[in-house]
Protein backbone atom coordinates (compact mmCIF):
# COMPACT_ATOMS: atom_id res chain seq x y z
CA MET A 1 0.09 1.77 103.57
CA PHE A 2 -0.74 5.05 101.91
CA SER A 3 -3.56 4.74 99.37
CA THR A 4 -5.72 7.03 97.22
CA ARG A 5 -9.35 6.73 96.16
CA ARG A 6 -8.95 8.99 93.10
CA ARG A 7 -8.69 7.34 89.74
CA ASN A 8 -5.25 7.79 88.26
CA GLU A 9 -5.63 8.53 84.54
CA ALA A 10 -1.89 8.73 83.81
CA ARG A 11 -0.24 6.18 81.57
CA PRO A 12 0.16 2.72 83.17
CA GLY A 13 3.96 3.04 83.22
CA THR A 14 3.78 6.41 84.96
CA ARG A 15 1.29 5.04 87.48
CA SER A 16 3.60 2.17 88.46
CA VAL A 17 6.54 4.55 88.87
CA LEU A 18 4.43 6.87 91.04
CA LEU A 19 3.24 3.99 93.20
CA THR A 20 6.81 2.77 93.63
CA LEU A 21 8.00 6.22 94.68
CA MET A 22 5.03 6.60 97.02
CA GLY A 23 5.83 3.26 98.63
CA MET A 24 9.41 4.38 99.20
CA SER A 25 8.37 7.75 100.54
CA PHE A 26 5.90 6.40 103.06
CA ALA A 27 7.80 3.30 104.20
CA PRO A 28 8.21 3.35 108.00
CA LEU A 29 11.64 4.34 109.25
CA VAL A 30 13.37 1.73 111.40
CA ALA A 31 14.78 3.28 114.57
CA ALA A 32 18.30 2.31 115.55
CA ALA A 33 18.42 -0.04 118.51
CA GLU A 34 19.56 1.42 121.80
CA PRO A 35 22.94 0.04 122.91
CA VAL A 36 22.89 -2.63 125.60
CA THR A 37 24.42 -1.09 128.75
CA HIS A 38 24.30 -1.48 132.53
CA CYS A 39 22.63 1.94 132.84
CA SER A 40 19.05 2.27 134.08
CA PRO A 41 16.42 4.41 132.29
CA ASN A 42 17.08 7.36 134.63
CA GLU A 43 20.82 7.28 133.81
CA GLN A 44 22.80 8.23 130.73
CA PRO A 45 25.58 6.02 129.34
CA LEU A 46 28.72 8.19 129.46
CA PHE A 47 30.85 5.31 128.12
CA SER A 48 29.87 1.71 127.42
CA CYS A 49 30.87 -1.25 125.33
CA SER A 50 30.83 -5.01 125.01
CA THR A 51 34.15 -6.74 125.63
CA GLY A 52 32.78 -10.06 124.45
CA LYS A 53 30.45 -11.82 126.86
CA LYS A 54 30.64 -8.94 129.33
CA THR A 55 29.76 -5.25 129.22
CA VAL A 56 31.46 -2.28 130.86
CA SER A 57 29.43 0.88 131.43
CA LEU A 58 29.98 4.26 133.05
CA CYS A 59 26.55 5.67 133.89
CA GLY A 60 25.59 9.17 134.97
CA THR A 61 22.56 10.44 136.85
CA PRO A 62 20.36 12.18 135.71
CA ALA A 63 19.57 10.86 132.22
CA SER A 64 20.93 14.02 130.56
CA GLY A 65 23.03 17.04 131.42
CA THR A 66 25.62 17.42 134.16
CA PRO A 67 26.13 14.14 136.06
CA LYS A 68 25.27 14.43 139.75
CA ALA A 69 26.35 10.81 140.39
CA LEU A 70 28.56 8.33 138.51
CA ALA A 71 28.52 4.54 138.51
CA TYR A 72 30.91 2.07 136.89
CA ARG A 73 29.40 -1.36 136.28
CA PHE A 74 30.91 -4.50 134.75
CA GLY A 75 29.44 -7.93 134.07
CA VAL A 76 27.25 -9.89 131.72
CA PRO A 77 24.18 -7.93 130.56
CA GLY A 78 21.65 -7.90 133.37
CA LYS A 79 24.12 -9.05 136.04
CA VAL A 80 26.64 -6.62 137.55
CA GLU A 81 29.78 -8.27 138.92
CA ASN A 82 31.81 -5.17 139.78
CA GLU A 83 30.44 -1.72 140.67
CA PHE A 84 31.96 1.56 141.85
CA ALA A 85 29.80 4.60 142.53
CA ALA A 86 30.75 8.23 143.16
CA ALA A 87 28.32 10.78 144.56
CA PRO A 88 28.48 13.98 146.64
CA GLY A 89 27.55 11.95 149.72
CA ASN A 90 30.48 9.51 149.52
CA PRO A 91 34.27 9.91 149.21
CA ASN A 92 34.61 7.92 145.97
CA ARG A 93 35.89 9.81 142.95
CA PHE A 94 36.84 9.00 139.36
CA HIS A 95 40.04 10.31 137.76
CA THR A 96 40.95 11.33 134.22
CA THR A 97 43.83 12.26 131.95
CA VAL A 98 44.65 12.39 128.24
CA ILE A 99 47.69 10.81 126.57
CA THR A 100 49.15 11.62 123.15
CA LEU A 101 50.29 8.62 121.12
CA ALA A 102 51.91 8.63 117.68
CA PRO A 103 50.74 9.23 115.06
CA SER A 104 48.53 12.09 116.27
CA ALA A 105 46.29 9.89 118.37
CA GLN A 106 45.00 10.92 121.77
CA VAL A 107 43.70 8.53 124.40
CA GLY A 108 41.21 9.79 126.95
CA GLU A 109 41.19 7.84 130.20
CA VAL A 110 38.74 7.65 133.09
CA TRP A 111 39.47 5.37 136.03
CA PHE A 112 38.98 4.53 139.68
CA ASP A 113 41.15 2.73 142.22
CA ARG A 114 40.12 -0.09 144.50
CA GLY A 115 43.10 -0.71 146.74
CA PRO A 116 46.15 -1.50 144.55
CA VAL A 117 43.90 -2.32 141.55
CA ARG A 118 43.00 0.34 138.98
CA TYR A 119 40.17 0.00 136.44
CA VAL A 120 40.73 2.22 133.38
CA MET A 121 38.27 2.98 130.59
CA ASN A 122 40.19 4.12 127.50
CA SER A 123 38.95 5.91 124.38
CA CYS A 124 41.05 6.68 121.29
CA MET A 125 40.36 10.03 119.64
CA GLY A 126 41.71 10.69 116.15
CA GLY A 127 44.97 9.43 114.74
CA ASP A 128 45.69 5.77 114.08
CA CYS A 129 44.75 3.63 117.06
CA SER A 130 44.64 -0.15 117.01
CA LEU A 131 41.41 -0.01 119.08
CA THR A 132 38.49 2.41 119.39
CA ALA A 133 38.11 1.84 123.12
CA ALA A 134 39.14 -0.60 125.82
CA LEU A 135 39.00 -1.52 129.48
CA SER A 136 42.31 -2.19 131.19
CA VAL A 137 43.05 -3.35 134.71
CA LEU A 138 46.32 -2.46 136.41
CA LYS A 139 47.82 -3.65 139.66
CA SER A 140 50.69 -1.69 141.19
CA GLY A 141 51.01 0.19 137.88
CA LYS A 142 51.26 -2.90 135.64
CA ILE A 143 48.56 -4.15 133.24
CA ILE A 144 47.07 -7.43 134.41
CA ALA A 145 44.10 -7.46 132.01
CA LYS A 146 43.22 -5.70 128.77
CA MET A 147 39.83 -6.04 127.10
CA ALA A 148 39.15 -4.49 123.72
CA CYS A 149 35.73 -2.97 123.11
CA LYS A 150 33.81 -4.52 120.24
CA ASP A 151 33.07 -2.09 117.43
CA ASP A 152 29.34 -2.87 117.25
CA ASP A 153 25.94 -1.30 117.95
CA ASN A 154 26.59 -1.45 121.70
CA LEU A 155 29.69 0.76 121.51
CA VAL A 156 29.50 4.14 123.23
CA GLY A 157 33.23 4.51 122.74
CA GLU A 158 33.72 8.23 123.24
CA PHE A 159 33.24 9.72 126.67
CA SER A 160 30.18 11.96 126.77
CA SER A 161 30.80 15.70 126.68
CA ASP A 162 28.53 15.89 129.74
CA LEU A 163 31.29 14.07 131.61
CA VAL A 164 34.49 15.61 130.24
CA HIS A 165 36.00 17.71 127.45
CA PHE A 166 39.47 16.46 126.55
CA GLY A 167 42.05 18.88 125.22
CA ASP A 168 45.51 18.15 123.87
CA SER A 169 47.06 17.84 127.33
CA PRO A 170 45.95 17.14 130.92
CA LYS A 171 46.06 20.88 131.65
CA SER A 172 43.35 21.50 129.06
CA ILE A 173 40.90 18.86 130.34
CA ARG A 174 37.59 20.29 131.55
CA PRO A 175 35.61 17.85 133.74
CA GLY A 176 31.84 18.29 133.63
CA THR A 177 31.45 17.23 137.25
CA PRO A 178 33.42 17.56 140.50
CA LEU A 179 33.18 13.77 140.79
CA LEU A 180 35.90 13.56 138.11
CA ILE A 181 39.42 14.70 139.06
CA VAL A 182 42.21 15.45 136.56
CA ASN A 183 45.51 13.62 137.16
CA ASP A 184 48.58 14.46 135.06
CA ASP A 185 51.11 12.16 136.73
CA THR A 186 50.23 8.86 135.03
CA ASP A 187 49.52 7.41 131.60
CA ASN A 188 48.22 4.01 132.80
CA GLU A 189 50.38 2.26 130.17
CA ALA A 190 48.16 3.59 127.36
CA ASP A 191 50.86 2.83 124.78
CA LYS A 192 50.58 -0.88 125.67
CA VAL A 193 46.79 -0.86 125.69
CA PHE A 194 46.70 0.62 122.19
CA ALA A 195 49.81 -1.11 120.82
CA ALA A 196 49.53 -2.28 117.23
CA PRO A 197 49.05 -6.04 116.81
CA GLY A 198 52.41 -7.81 117.05
CA ALA A 199 54.10 -4.88 118.78
CA LYS A 200 56.05 -5.59 121.96
């Protein structure tokens, strides 16, 4: 606590006001807690959120700048149940596109395929979306699971600009890494993922 040894000869009322202001000025700032992700300290979270009991994270190596490797991880915090990694030394790659939904909302998507199953991370940008972000799972092009991201301190709901810059169409997408490939032939049922409550 800041203190002074000099005698304050101001009026008592003034002294109490000054001490109050000093206490406010020198109060320690509380740092915001880091979001809980599946990324290690030498990785940066490019997208991450809690879907309830479980967390989905897309992590990039190194901890800042252009990703040289990408890893998708899903599971309860501290225990990964599903992982997919892309690096220059393996054939795995992630894919991306952007979808326009009314009214004026755009959904950025990043996904990978494991056989007939596709895991899609979705982020709503602007407009009026029912969700900020979500994880959806498709099989043979149909949604078999949809998990909304919780809007809490663990939400990293917009894809990092180190990973991708989304434009207003797939042709204007600029990936930040060759590990991410633009696809303009699918929307991954984004309109159903971000459908308003009660909509069919």
